[in-house]
Amino acid sequence: MTEEERLAYEEQKRLQEEEMKKKKEDMLTQFLKDKLSKEERATKYNLNKLNHQWRNIMREAKSKELRKEIEILSQTFERIVDRKDATIKSLAKDLQEAEEQYAMALRSHLQAVDSLFDIQEERLHKLQIYYEDELALIQEEFDTERALMIEQHGVEMNDIADILFAMDQNFQDRENEARAEFESLCDEIKNKDTEEKHGLKVLLFEKQKELMRQFEQALEAYLNSTKSRKNEFEDYKRKDDHAAQEIDSQMRRINKLSDNISQLKNKMMANAKECEERNKQLKEEREKMLAHFQDLKAQMNKLRERERDKLTKMTLESNSAMKELKRQNEKVTVILKLAEMCRKLETEEEKVLPFYASSLTQEEQDDVQTAMLERGYEPLAQIMHEYSSMENFWKRFNKVFLDKLALDKEKMGLVQENQQLRTLLKQYLDGISVNDEIISQVNPLFIVNNKTNVKLNVPVTDPRVQRPVAQTVVEAAHVVKHVLPS
């Protein structure tokens, strides 16, 4: 056996031993697992058996305790039932005695009610006689007072008519004076507005003339600036014509030379070198002239396009400027008309103090001025900065708007006060007037026998009319005697 075979045999033997060892370990592991599962099943079975026996023992002990408790509860229940029977018997006896007392009280109550009926009938008869006497007396007094009140009402109505006539005359005089003063004030305002309107028209006319002069200057400047380019264009055009004539002459010359070449073929061999150089030079000059012509043509086209774009732009801008001037003129006309209408409606206070006094301190006003001078970065801030010159207009607008709100609020208050005064006046007139309509309606001043026809809704919770709640009181001696065991 060689060394390699011996090593292979040992290696195979070692592998077999390891495999046998692994099989033994697997078998041992499987045996331990089976044994563990058997032990667990046996433990679970024994635990269930112990629990079952322990439950039986506890059930027997609990049943004994429950039997004892049932015996105790049955004895207690019998004792309580006996006590309740005794209480019921005593209450039945008390109820019988109370019924006898109730019958006796009922008989005495009926006798007292009969006597009270007799007394009440006698009292009602006396009150009927007294009522008839009082009614006759009150009717006589009422007729007298009614005649007196009617006479006093006529006198007061005459006085009120005189007062109303005097007030109408006074109001008419004041209205005439106010109308005359208003007409004179309107004439003054109209004259002043006419002067201001004339001044504004002159100013706008001068501004329009200035804008037209600037437009003419811009047009003249444009013509002057394009004059040199126009001259250059004419020069280029003349050069182009000259180049075309030169090209034609050169073409004629080439034709002539070609004719000479055809005629002088015999001399071509002698003068071939000279003619070749001359033809080459002419070709180069022709190519240069063609390239120059193409460049001039392209420049001329570009110049034409540029000048056409400028002319179109200038035309559009002039049209937009004319439209803007026309719109501004119409806007100024509308503003002047509105100013004339608003001027007629201004008061003396608004003419003297057109702007309201600021409620800010000097430091706050300085901060506001600084913030207004700063240029904002947001679009809205920039727009507000551009319209800062409208600040005085917005002041006047806000002042007028606040005055309108104050007048509306004052008007509402006056309307409510007028309504209240009308209601009070109607109540007063209803109270002092005596006629069938007033008497037939609810009137708190109409009182007969200390009674009025007004329904006074007094709440039941008012302590003046609330009835006392009856409370049942049971004496303690009665409870001790008939309820508690002896």
Protein backbone atom coordinates (compact mmCIF):
# COMPACT_ATOMS: atom_id res chain seq x y z
CA MET A 1 0.00 0.00 0.00
CA THR A 2 1.46 3.27 -1.07
CA GLU A 3 1.49 6.49 0.91
CA GLU A 4 -1.30 8.07 -1.14
CA GLU A 5 -3.54 5.05 -0.78
CA ARG A 6 -2.87 4.99 2.95
CA LEU A 7 -3.79 8.72 3.23
CA ALA A 8 -6.91 8.14 1.17
CA TYR A 9 -7.89 5.18 3.35
CA GLU A 10 -7.33 7.18 6.55
CA GLU A 11 -9.31 10.07 5.11
CA GLN A 12 -12.19 7.76 4.17
CA LYS A 13 -12.06 6.14 7.60
CA ARG A 14 -12.13 9.52 9.29
CA LEU A 15 -15.14 10.58 7.22
CA GLN A 16 -16.99 7.37 8.13
CA GLU A 17 -16.26 7.96 11.83
CA GLU A 18 -17.51 11.53 11.61
CA GLU A 19 -20.66 10.37 9.80
CA MET A 20 -21.29 7.71 12.47
CA LYS A 21 -20.72 10.28 15.19
CA LYS A 22 -23.17 12.69 13.52
CA LYS A 23 -25.79 9.90 13.23
CA LYS A 24 -25.38 9.06 16.95
CA GLU A 25 -25.80 12.75 17.85
CA ASP A 26 -28.95 12.98 15.69
CA MET A 27 -30.39 9.86 17.28
CA LEU A 28 -29.59 11.17 20.76
CA THR A 29 -31.21 14.52 19.95
CA GLN A 30 -34.32 12.82 18.58
CA PHE A 31 -34.52 10.59 21.69
CA LEU A 32 -34.24 13.62 23.98
CA LYS A 33 -36.95 15.47 22.03
CA ASP A 34 -39.29 12.46 22.25
CA LYS A 35 -38.60 12.10 25.96
CA LEU A 36 -39.22 15.85 26.50
CA SER A 37 -42.54 15.71 24.64
CA LYS A 38 -43.62 12.68 26.75
CA GLU A 39 -42.65 14.50 29.94
CA GLU A 40 -44.64 17.57 28.85
CA ARG A 41 -47.72 15.47 28.08
CA ALA A 42 -47.42 13.68 31.44
CA THR A 43 -46.95 17.01 33.26
CA LYS A 44 -49.99 18.50 31.55
CA TYR A 45 -52.11 15.43 32.38
CA ASN A 46 -51.02 15.44 36.06
CA LEU A 47 -51.62 19.19 36.30
CA ASN A 48 -55.16 18.79 34.94
CA LYS A 49 -55.78 15.94 37.36
CA LEU A 50 -54.57 18.00 40.33
CA ASN A 51 -56.75 20.94 39.26
CA HIS A 52 -59.79 18.69 38.96
CA GLN A 53 -59.26 17.24 42.46
CA TRP A 54 -58.58 20.71 43.91
CA ARG A 55 -61.79 22.04 42.34
CA ASN A 56 -63.79 19.20 43.91
CA ILE A 57 -62.33 19.98 47.34
CA MET A 58 -63.03 23.71 46.96
CA ARG A 59 -66.57 23.00 45.63
CA GLU A 60 -67.38 20.92 48.73
CA ALA A 61 -66.01 23.61 51.08
CA LYS A 62 -67.92 26.35 49.26
CA SER A 63 -71.15 24.35 49.33
CA LYS A 64 -70.83 23.97 53.12
CA GLU A 65 -70.31 27.73 53.52
CA LEU A 66 -73.30 28.49 51.27
CA ARG A 67 -75.53 26.13 53.23
CA LYS A 68 -74.61 27.90 56.46
CA GLU A 69 -75.26 31.33 54.88
CA ILE A 70 -78.64 30.13 53.53
CA GLU A 71 -79.68 28.96 57.02
CA ILE A 72 -78.65 32.32 58.49
CA LEU A 73 -80.45 34.28 55.76
CA SER A 74 -83.62 32.17 56.18
CA GLN A 75 -83.68 32.89 59.93
CA THR A 76 -83.09 36.61 59.27
CA PHE A 77 -85.83 36.68 56.63
CA GLU A 78 -88.33 35.00 58.97
CA ARG A 79 -87.49 37.52 61.71
CA ILE A 80 -87.93 40.45 59.31
CA VAL A 81 -91.23 39.02 57.99
CA ASP A 82 -92.56 38.74 61.56
CA ARG A 83 -91.52 42.35 62.21
CA LYS A 84 -93.19 43.55 59.01
CA ASP A 85 -96.40 41.67 59.90
CA ALA A 86 -96.49 43.39 63.27
CA THR A 87 -95.90 46.77 61.61
CA ILE A 88 -98.69 46.15 59.06
CA LYS A 89 -101.13 45.23 61.85
CA SER A 90 -100.29 48.40 63.77
CA LEU A 91 -100.64 50.52 60.61
CA ALA A 92 -104.02 48.94 59.82
CA LYS A 93 -105.20 49.78 63.34
CA ASP A 94 -103.93 53.40 62.90
CA LEU A 95 -105.69 53.60 59.52
CA GLN A 96 -109.00 52.54 61.07
CA GLU A 97 -108.63 55.15 63.79
CA ALA A 98 -107.71 57.80 61.15
CA GLU A 99 -110.85 56.92 59.10
CA GLU A 100 -113.04 57.42 62.16
CA GLN A 101 -111.35 60.78 62.85
CA TYR A 102 -111.80 61.75 59.17
CA ALA A 103 -115.52 60.98 59.28
CA MET A 104 -115.94 63.10 62.41
CA ALA A 105 -113.92 65.97 60.82
CA LEU A 106 -115.94 65.71 57.59
CA ARG A 107 -119.23 66.07 59.47
CA SER A 108 -117.95 69.11 61.38
CA HIS A 109 -116.56 70.58 58.12
CA LEU A 110 -119.92 70.19 56.34
CA GLN A 111 -121.72 71.90 59.21
CA ALA A 112 -119.17 74.77 59.07
CA VAL A 113 -119.56 75.05 55.27
CA ASP A 114 -123.35 75.31 55.58
CA SER A 115 -123.01 78.09 58.11
CA LEU A 116 -120.46 79.86 55.88
CA PHE A 117 -122.85 79.59 52.90
CA ASP A 118 -125.55 81.36 54.92
CA ILE A 119 -123.15 84.08 56.05
CA GLN A 120 -121.84 84.53 52.46
CA GLU A 121 -125.34 84.85 50.98
CA GLU A 122 -126.20 87.52 53.52
CA ARG A 123 -122.92 89.35 52.82
CA LEU A 124 -123.47 89.17 49.04
CA HIS A 125 -126.94 90.69 49.43
CA LYS A 126 -125.50 93.60 51.40
CA LEU A 127 -122.66 94.05 48.87
CA GLN A 128 -125.19 94.05 45.97
CA ILE A 129 -127.09 96.94 47.58
CA TYR A 130 -123.80 98.79 48.28
CA TYR A 131 -122.60 98.16 44.68
CA GLU A 132 -125.77 99.62 43.15
CA ASP A 133 -125.45 102.75 45.28
CA GLU A 134 -121.75 103.16 44.43
CA LEU A 135 -122.45 102.53 40.72
CA ALA A 136 -125.02 105.31 40.56
CA LEU A 137 -122.61 107.69 42.31
CA ILE A 138 -119.66 106.75 40.03
CA GLN A 139 -121.78 107.14 36.89
CA GLU A 140 -122.74 110.64 37.97
CA GLU A 141 -119.08 111.52 38.72
CA PHE A 142 -117.99 109.96 35.42
CA ASP A 143 -120.48 112.05 33.39
CA THR A 144 -119.26 115.21 35.13
CA GLU A 145 -115.58 114.40 34.59
CA ARG A 146 -116.25 113.42 30.95
CA ALA A 147 -117.89 116.77 30.17
CA LEU A 148 -115.00 118.59 31.88
CA MET A 149 -112.34 116.55 30.00
CA ILE A 150 -114.08 117.12 26.65
CA GLU A 151 -114.11 120.87 27.29
CA GLN A 152 -110.42 120.84 28.36
CA HIS A 153 -109.52 118.73 25.31
CA GLY A 154 -111.13 121.31 22.98
CA VAL A 155 -109.16 124.15 24.65
CA GLU A 156 -105.88 122.21 24.38
CA MET A 157 -106.52 121.35 20.72
CA ASN A 158 -107.06 125.04 19.94
CA ASP A 159 -103.79 125.88 21.75
CA ILE A 160 -101.93 123.18 19.78
CA ALA A 161 -103.38 124.50 16.50
CA ASP A 162 -102.18 128.04 17.36
CA ILE A 163 -98.72 126.68 18.24
CA LEU A 164 -98.52 124.70 14.99
CA PHE A 165 -99.54 127.78 12.96
CA ALA A 166 -96.86 129.89 14.69
CA MET A 167 -94.25 127.17 14.09
CA ASP A 168 -95.20 126.96 10.41
CA GLN A 169 -94.82 130.72 10.02
CA ASN A 170 -91.43 130.68 11.77
CA PHE A 171 -90.24 127.74 9.67
CA GLN A 172 -91.39 129.50 6.45
CA ASP A 173 -89.42 132.64 7.36
CA ARG A 174 -86.30 130.63 8.18
CA GLU A 175 -86.67 128.64 4.96
CA ASN A 176 -86.89 131.86 2.88
CA GLU A 177 -83.78 133.27 4.58
CA ALA A 178 -81.86 129.99 4.07
CA ARG A 179 -82.93 129.82 0.41
CA ALA A 180 -81.75 133.40 -0.23
CA GLU A 181 -78.44 132.70 1.49
CA PHE A 182 -78.06 129.44 -0.46
CA GLU A 183 -78.69 131.17 -3.81
CA SER A 184 -76.11 133.88 -3.05
CA LEU A 185 -73.62 131.19 -1.99
CA CYS A 186 -74.30 129.24 -5.20
CA ASP A 187 -73.61 132.37 -7.30
CA GLU A 188 -70.29 132.92 -5.52
CA ILE A 189 -69.27 129.28 -5.97
CA LYS A 190 -70.29 129.36 -9.66
CA ASN A 191 -68.16 132.49 -10.30
CA LYS A 192 -65.19 130.98 -8.53
CA ASP A 193 -65.53 127.69 -10.43
CA THR A 194 -65.77 129.61 -13.73
CA GLU A 195 -62.50 131.38 -13.00
CA GLU A 196 -60.77 128.13 -12.00
CA LYS A 197 -62.13 126.39 -15.09
CA HIS A 198 -60.80 129.18 -17.35
CA GLY A 199 -57.39 128.92 -15.67
CA LEU A 200 -57.31 125.15 -16.12
CA LYS A 201 -58.32 125.47 -19.80
CA VAL A 202 -55.47 127.95 -20.42
CA LEU A 203 -53.03 125.65 -18.61
CA LEU A 204 -54.15 122.59 -20.57
CA PHE A 205 -53.97 124.52 -23.88
CA GLU A 206 -50.39 125.58 -23.13
CA LYS A 207 -49.52 122.01 -22.17
CA GLN A 208 -51.02 120.73 -25.43
CA LYS A 209 -49.03 123.30 -27.43
CA GLU A 210 -45.87 122.25 -25.61
CA LEU A 211 -46.52 118.57 -26.41
CA MET A 212 -47.12 119.39 -30.09
CA ARG A 213 -43.92 121.42 -30.19
CA GLN A 214 -42.00 118.48 -28.65
CA PHE A 215 -43.56 116.13 -31.21
CA GLU A 216 -42.51 118.41 -34.10
CA GLN A 217 -38.98 118.66 -32.67
CA ALA A 218 -38.81 114.86 -32.41
CA LEU A 219 -39.99 114.57 -36.03
CA GLU A 220 -37.43 117.11 -37.20
CA ALA A 221 -34.68 115.36 -35.23
CA TYR A 222 -35.65 112.05 -36.83
CA LEU A 223 -35.54 113.59 -40.32
CA ASN A 224 -32.13 115.15 -39.59
CA SER A 225 -30.78 111.88 -38.22
CA THR A 226 -31.96 109.92 -41.28
CA LYS A 227 -30.80 112.52 -43.82
CA SER A 228 -27.18 111.38 -43.77
CA ARG A 229 -28.25 107.74 -44.21
CA LYS A 230 -30.45 108.75 -47.09
CA ASN A 231 -27.47 110.49 -48.74
CA GLU A 232 -25.38 107.38 -48.20
CA PHE A 233 -28.15 105.34 -49.79
CA GLU A 234 -28.11 107.65 -52.85
CA ASP A 235 -24.31 107.35 -53.07
CA TYR A 236 -24.55 103.56 -52.87
CA LYS A 237 -27.20 103.62 -55.54
CA ARG A 238 -25.02 105.73 -57.86
CA LYS A 239 -22.10 103.42 -57.20
CA ASP A 240 -24.34 100.48 -57.97
CA ASP A 241 -25.36 102.02 -61.29
CA HIS A 242 -21.74 102.76 -62.06
CA ALA A 243 -20.76 99.20 -61.20
CA ALA A 244 -23.55 97.87 -63.42
CA GLN A 245 -22.35 100.04 -66.30
CA GLU A 246 -18.82 98.93 -65.68
CA ILE A 247 -19.95 95.30 -65.62
CA ASP A 248 -21.74 95.85 -68.93
CA SER A 249 -18.65 97.43 -70.43
CA GLN A 250 -16.55 94.57 -69.13
CA MET A 251 -18.97 92.10 -70.61
CA ARG A 252 -18.79 93.86 -73.93
CA ARG A 253 -15.05 93.88 -73.62
CA ILE A 254 -15.02 90.16 -72.88
CA ASN A 255 -17.19 89.54 -75.90
CA LYS A 256 -14.89 91.67 -77.97
CA LEU A 257 -11.90 89.78 -76.66
CA SER A 258 -13.54 86.46 -77.41
CA ASP A 259 -14.13 87.66 -80.96
CA ASN A 260 -10.54 88.76 -81.17
CA ILE A 261 -9.48 85.39 -79.80
CA SER A 262 -11.50 83.58 -82.45
CA GLN A 263 -10.06 85.84 -85.11
CA LEU A 264 -6.53 85.68 -83.77
CA LYS A 265 -6.19 81.98 -83.13
CA ASN A 266 -2.98 81.97 -85.01
CA LYS A 267 -1.54 84.60 -82.63
CA MET A 268 -2.79 82.75 -79.55
CA MET A 269 0.15 80.42 -79.38
CA ALA A 270 2.56 83.33 -79.30
CA ASN A 271 0.59 85.44 -76.94
CA ALA A 272 -0.91 82.52 -74.89
CA LYS A 273 1.02 83.32 -71.77
CA GLU A 274 0.17 86.98 -71.88
CA CYS A 275 -3.51 86.34 -72.66
CA GLU A 276 -3.79 83.70 -69.94
CA GLU A 277 -2.48 86.05 -67.28
CA ARG A 278 -4.73 88.83 -68.55
CA ASN A 279 -7.82 86.55 -68.55
CA LYS A 280 -7.02 85.38 -65.06
CA GLN A 281 -6.77 88.97 -63.83
CA LEU A 282 -10.07 89.86 -65.48
CA LYS A 283 -11.79 86.87 -63.89
CA GLU A 284 -10.51 87.87 -60.44
CA GLU A 285 -11.72 91.43 -60.95
CA ARG A 286 -15.11 90.15 -62.09
CA GLU A 287 -15.47 87.92 -59.02
CA LYS A 288 -14.52 90.80 -56.77
CA MET A 289 -17.06 93.09 -58.41
CA LEU A 290 -19.79 90.43 -58.09
CA ALA A 291 -18.99 89.85 -54.40
CA HIS A 292 -18.96 93.61 -53.78
CA PHE A 293 -22.29 93.95 -55.58
CA GLN A 294 -23.86 91.22 -53.43
CA ASP A 295 -22.57 92.86 -50.23
CA LEU A 296 -23.94 96.25 -51.26
CA LYS A 297 -27.30 94.72 -52.14
CA ALA A 298 -27.55 92.91 -48.76
CA GLN A 299 -26.63 96.10 -46.88
CA MET A 300 -29.20 98.07 -48.85
CA ASN A 301 -31.94 95.51 -48.01
CA LYS A 302 -31.04 95.56 -44.32
CA LEU A 303 -31.10 99.36 -44.29
CA ARG A 304 -34.50 99.39 -45.97
CA GLU A 305 -35.93 96.93 -43.40
CA ARG A 306 -34.48 98.93 -40.49
CA GLU A 307 -35.86 102.21 -41.80
CA ARG A 308 -39.25 100.62 -42.45
CA ASP A 309 -39.37 99.25 -38.85
CA LYS A 310 -38.44 102.66 -37.46
CA LEU A 311 -41.10 104.38 -39.53
CA THR A 312 -43.74 101.84 -38.40
CA LYS A 313 -42.73 102.20 -34.75
CA MET A 314 -42.81 106.00 -34.96
CA THR A 315 -46.27 105.89 -36.58
CA LEU A 316 -47.64 103.59 -33.87
CA GLU A 317 -46.12 105.66 -31.07
CA SER A 318 -47.51 108.89 -32.56
CA ASN A 319 -50.99 107.31 -32.81
CA SER A 320 -50.83 106.04 -29.23
CA ALA A 321 -49.62 109.48 -28.07
CA MET A 322 -52.56 111.17 -29.81
CA LYS A 323 -55.01 108.67 -28.29
CA GLU A 324 -53.48 109.13 -24.83
CA LEU A 325 -53.73 112.93 -25.17
CA LYS A 326 -57.36 112.62 -26.24
CA ARG A 327 -58.12 110.30 -23.30
CA GLN A 328 -56.37 112.62 -20.85
CA ASN A 329 -58.36 115.53 -22.24
CA GLU A 330 -61.65 113.65 -21.76
CA LYS A 331 -60.61 112.58 -18.27
CA VAL A 332 -59.74 116.18 -17.33
CA THR A 333 -63.15 117.31 -18.65
CA VAL A 334 -64.93 114.72 -16.50
CA ILE A 335 -62.84 115.68 -13.45
CA LEU A 336 -63.68 119.35 -13.97
CA LYS A 337 -67.38 118.56 -14.20
CA LEU A 338 -67.22 116.45 -11.03
CA ALA A 339 -65.27 119.20 -9.28
CA GLU A 340 -67.96 121.74 -10.20
CA MET A 341 -70.68 119.42 -8.88
CA CYS A 342 -68.77 118.73 -5.64
CA ARG A 343 -67.95 122.43 -5.19
CA LYS A 344 -71.66 123.24 -5.14
CA LEU A 345 -72.23 120.72 -2.32
CA GLU A 346 -69.35 121.84 -0.06
CA THR A 347 -70.11 123.46 3.29
CA GLU A 348 -68.41 126.49 4.81
CA GLU A 349 -66.38 124.25 7.13
CA GLU A 350 -65.12 122.13 4.19
CA LYS A 351 -64.11 125.28 2.31
CA VAL A 352 -62.12 126.61 5.27
CA LEU A 353 -60.72 123.23 6.46
CA PRO A 354 -60.75 120.82 3.50
CA PHE A 355 -58.53 118.25 5.30
CA TYR A 356 -59.08 116.73 8.72
CA ALA A 357 -56.46 117.24 11.44
CA SER A 358 -54.14 114.29 11.93
CA SER A 359 -54.36 112.40 15.26
CA LEU A 360 -50.72 111.24 15.06
CA THR A 361 -47.87 112.75 17.06
CA GLN A 362 -44.97 114.57 15.44
CA GLU A 363 -42.68 111.51 15.72
CA GLU A 364 -45.32 109.23 14.16
CA GLN A 365 -45.85 111.73 11.34
CA ASP A 366 -42.06 111.81 10.71
CA ASP A 367 -42.00 107.99 10.60
CA VAL A 368 -44.88 108.00 8.10
CA GLN A 369 -43.10 110.55 5.89
CA THR A 370 -39.90 108.49 5.98
CA ALA A 371 -41.81 105.33 5.04
CA MET A 372 -43.52 107.17 2.18
CA LEU A 373 -40.19 108.43 0.79
CA GLU A 374 -38.66 104.93 0.78
CA ARG A 375 -38.99 103.03 -2.47
CA GLY A 376 -40.65 99.65 -2.03
CA TYR A 377 -39.54 96.45 -3.73
CA GLU A 378 -42.94 94.79 -4.07
CA PRO A 379 -45.25 95.72 -7.00
CA LEU A 380 -48.04 96.95 -4.71
CA ALA A 381 -45.64 99.19 -2.76
CA GLN A 382 -44.27 100.67 -5.99
CA ILE A 383 -47.80 101.41 -7.25
CA MET A 384 -48.68 103.07 -3.93
CA HIS A 385 -45.49 105.15 -4.13
CA GLU A 386 -46.45 106.32 -7.62
CA TYR A 387 -49.88 107.46 -6.39
CA SER A 388 -48.60 109.23 -3.26
CA SER A 389 -49.73 112.56 -4.78
CA MET A 390 -53.36 111.38 -4.31
CA GLU A 391 -52.96 111.47 -0.51
CA ASN A 392 -54.88 114.76 -0.11
CA PHE A 393 -57.69 113.47 -2.30
CA TRP A 394 -58.04 110.33 -0.20
CA LYS A 395 -58.04 112.46 2.96
CA ARG A 396 -60.95 114.50 1.67
CA PHE A 397 -62.73 111.34 0.47
CA ASN A 398 -62.28 109.62 3.85
CA LYS A 399 -63.49 112.73 5.67
CA VAL A 400 -66.64 112.88 3.53
CA PHE A 401 -67.22 109.13 3.93
CA LEU A 402 -66.90 109.35 7.73
CA ASP A 403 -69.27 112.34 7.79
CA LYS A 404 -71.78 110.29 5.77
CA LEU A 405 -71.55 107.36 8.21
CA ALA A 406 -71.97 109.73 11.17
CA LEU A 407 -75.01 111.34 9.56
CA ASP A 408 -76.53 107.91 8.82
CA LYS A 409 -76.03 106.87 12.45
CA GLU A 410 -77.49 110.15 13.73
CA LYS A 411 -80.44 109.74 11.35
CA MET A 412 -81.12 106.25 12.71
CA GLY A 413 -81.01 107.58 16.29
CA LEU A 414 -83.36 110.43 15.42
CA VAL A 415 -85.77 108.06 13.68
CA GLN A 416 -85.86 105.82 16.76
CA GLU A 417 -86.32 108.83 19.05
CA ASN A 418 -89.09 110.15 16.79
CA GLN A 419 -90.82 106.77 16.90
CA GLN A 420 -90.59 106.69 20.71
CA LEU A 421 -91.94 110.24 20.95
CA ARG A 422 -94.80 109.38 18.61
CA THR A 423 -95.62 106.35 20.77
CA LEU A 424 -95.53 108.41 23.98
CA LEU A 425 -97.64 111.14 22.37
CA LYS A 426 -100.20 108.57 21.21
CA GLN A 427 -100.34 107.05 24.70
CA TYR A 428 -100.75 110.50 26.22
CA LEU A 429 -103.50 111.47 23.76
CA ASP A 430 -105.23 108.13 24.32
CA GLY A 431 -105.04 108.73 28.07
CA ILE A 432 -106.53 112.25 27.92
CA SER A 433 -109.10 111.43 25.22
CA VAL A 434 -112.48 109.92 26.03
CA ASN A 435 -114.44 108.31 23.21
CA ASP A 436 -115.95 104.97 22.30
CA GLU A 437 -112.81 103.75 20.49
CA ILE A 438 -110.51 104.54 23.44
CA ILE A 439 -112.89 103.03 26.00
CA SER A 440 -113.30 99.83 23.95
CA GLN A 441 -109.50 99.31 23.80
CA VAL A 442 -107.09 98.45 26.59
CA ASN A 443 -106.53 101.62 28.67
CA PRO A 444 -104.57 101.54 31.96
CA LEU A 445 -106.11 104.90 33.02
CA PHE A 446 -109.69 103.63 32.85
CA ILE A 447 -110.36 102.17 36.37
CA VAL A 448 -113.75 101.15 37.73
CA ASN A 449 -114.14 99.76 41.31
CA ASN A 450 -110.37 99.56 41.69
CA LYS A 451 -110.19 97.35 38.57
CA THR A 452 -108.70 97.98 35.13
CA ASN A 453 -109.31 96.31 31.75
CA VAL A 454 -105.58 95.70 31.28
CA LYS A 455 -104.50 92.08 31.78
CA LEU A 456 -101.58 92.18 34.19
CA ASN A 457 -99.46 89.11 33.52
CA VAL A 458 -97.78 88.53 36.86
CA PRO A 459 -95.48 85.47 36.83
CA VAL A 460 -96.35 82.59 39.11
CA THR A 461 -92.82 82.69 40.55
CA ASP A 462 -93.52 86.18 42.00
CA PRO A 463 -93.39 85.85 45.82
CA ARG A 464 -96.41 88.18 46.09
CA VAL A 465 -98.73 85.67 44.41
CA GLN A 466 -96.89 82.39 44.92
CA ARG A 467 -98.78 79.92 47.12
CA PRO A 468 -96.89 78.27 49.96
CA VAL A 469 -96.07 74.60 49.38
CA ALA A 470 -97.75 72.28 51.86
CA GLN A 471 -95.23 70.13 53.72
CA THR A 472 -96.19 66.82 55.37
CA VAL A 473 -94.75 66.46 58.90
CA VAL A 474 -94.65 63.11 60.74
CA GLU A 475 -93.87 63.13 64.45
CA ALA A 476 -90.88 61.12 65.65
CA ALA A 477 -92.89 59.52 68.47
CA HIS A 478 -95.27 58.02 65.93
CA VAL A 479 -92.38 56.58 63.93
CA VAL A 480 -90.71 55.12 67.04
CA LYS A 481 -93.96 53.65 68.23
CA HIS A 482 -95.20 52.00 65.04
CA VAL A 483 -92.11 51.33 62.91
CA LEU A 484 -89.16 50.40 65.11
CA PRO A 485 -89.28 47.00 66.84
CA SER A 486 -89.95 47.03 70.55
